[in-house]
């Protein structure tokens, strides 16, 4: 497994989550709920690319 190219995380309700896995695979999402040491809830999807995510 290779590391991600870059990540931008703003962990908190309404915060963004963008993870670039390289090769055009980019995951984008938003944090919905954060309960320290208990739960992280977020929604995400993949940017449209010509290749599927790894």
C-alpha atoms as a PDB file:
ATOM      1  CA  UNK A   1       0.000   0.000   0.000  1.00  0.00           C
ATOM      2  CA  UNK A   2       1.396   3.378  -0.963  1.00  0.00           C
ATOM      3  CA  UNK A   3       0.933   6.586   1.041  1.00  0.00           C
ATOM      4  CA  UNK A   4      -1.380   9.341  -0.151  1.00  0.00           C
ATOM      5  CA  UNK A   5      -0.024  12.260  -2.158  1.00  0.00           C
ATOM      6  CA  UNK A   6      -1.706  14.911   0.001  1.00  0.00           C
ATOM      7  CA  UNK A   7      -4.579  15.391   2.421  1.00  0.00           C
ATOM      8  CA  UNK A   8      -6.573  18.370   3.650  1.00  0.00           C
ATOM      9  CA  UNK A   9      -8.622  17.659   6.761  1.00  0.00           C
ATOM     10  CA  UNK A  10     -10.764  20.023   8.825  1.00  0.00           C
ATOM     11  CA  UNK A  11     -12.161  17.630  11.432  1.00  0.00           C
ATOM     12  CA  UNK A  12     -15.329  19.161  12.763  1.00  0.00           C
ATOM     13  CA  UNK A  13     -18.978  19.329  11.726  1.00  0.00           C
ATOM     14  CA  UNK A  14     -19.154  20.874   8.247  1.00  0.00           C
ATOM     15  CA  UNK A  15     -15.370  20.548   7.778  1.00  0.00           C
ATOM     16  CA  UNK A  16     -13.882  19.177   4.583  1.00  0.00           C
ATOM     17  CA  UNK A  17     -11.878  16.053   3.900  1.00  0.00           C
ATOM     18  CA  UNK A  18      -9.862  15.878   0.663  1.00  0.00           C
ATOM     19  CA  UNK A  19      -7.390  13.025   0.135  1.00  0.00           C
ATOM     20  CA  UNK A  20      -5.314  12.754  -3.058  1.00  0.00           C
ATOM     21  CA  UNK A  21      -4.204   9.150  -3.480  1.00  0.00           C
ATOM     22  CA  UNK A  22      -2.189   9.898  -6.611  1.00  0.00           C
ATOM     23  CA  UNK A  23      -2.853   8.712 -10.127  1.00  0.00           C
ATOM     24  CA  UNK A  24      -5.957  10.908 -10.355  1.00  0.00           C
ATOM     25  CA  UNK A  25      -7.834   9.254  -7.467  1.00  0.00           C
ATOM     26  CA  UNK A  26      -9.163  12.006  -5.182  1.00  0.00           C
ATOM     27  CA  UNK A  27     -11.618  11.418  -2.344  1.00  0.00           C
ATOM     28  CA  UNK A  28     -13.700  14.437  -1.219  1.00  0.00           C
ATOM     29  CA  UNK A  29     -16.052  14.572   1.700  1.00  0.00           C
ATOM     30  CA  UNK A  30     -17.516  16.469   4.612  1.00  0.00           C
ATOM     31  CA  UNK A  31     -17.486  15.719   8.323  1.00  0.00           C
ATOM     32  CA  UNK A  32     -21.003  15.348   9.723  1.00  0.00           C
ATOM     33  CA  UNK A  33     -20.352  14.519  13.384  1.00  0.00           C
ATOM     34  CA  UNK A  34     -17.284  14.274  15.598  1.00  0.00           C
ATOM     35  CA  UNK A  35     -17.395  12.883  19.137  1.00  0.00           C
ATOM     36  CA  UNK A  36     -13.822  12.766  20.505  1.00  0.00           C
ATOM     37  CA  UNK A  37     -12.595   9.234  21.225  1.00  0.00           C
ATOM     38  CA  UNK A  38     -15.972   7.772  20.221  1.00  0.00           C
ATOM     39  CA  UNK A  39     -17.143   8.486  16.700  1.00  0.00           C
ATOM     40  CA  UNK A  40     -16.309  10.162  13.410  1.00  0.00           C
ATOM     41  CA  UNK A  41     -19.109  10.435  10.846  1.00  0.00           C
ATOM     42  CA  UNK A  42     -18.394  11.741   7.361  1.00  0.00           C
ATOM     43  CA  UNK A  43     -19.734  11.428   3.841  1.00  0.00           C
ATOM     44  CA  UNK A  44     -17.465  11.103   0.822  1.00  0.00           C
ATOM     45  CA  UNK A  45     -17.230  10.377  -2.873  1.00  0.00           C
ATOM     46  CA  UNK A  46     -14.599  10.122  -5.584  1.00  0.00           C
ATOM     47  CA  UNK A  47     -13.727  12.799  -8.137  1.00  0.00           C
ATOM     48  CA  UNK A  48     -14.543  11.641 -11.640  1.00  0.00           C
ATOM     49  CA  UNK A  49     -11.482  10.095 -13.280  1.00  0.00           C
ATOM     50  CA  UNK A  50     -10.834   7.741 -16.154  1.00  0.00           C
ATOM     51  CA  UNK A  51      -9.477   5.107 -13.744  1.00  0.00           C
ATOM     52  CA  UNK A  52     -11.114   3.659 -10.639  1.00  0.00           C
ATOM     53  CA  UNK A  53      -9.692   4.414  -7.169  1.00  0.00           C
ATOM     54  CA  UNK A  54      -7.192   1.914  -5.741  1.00  0.00           C
END
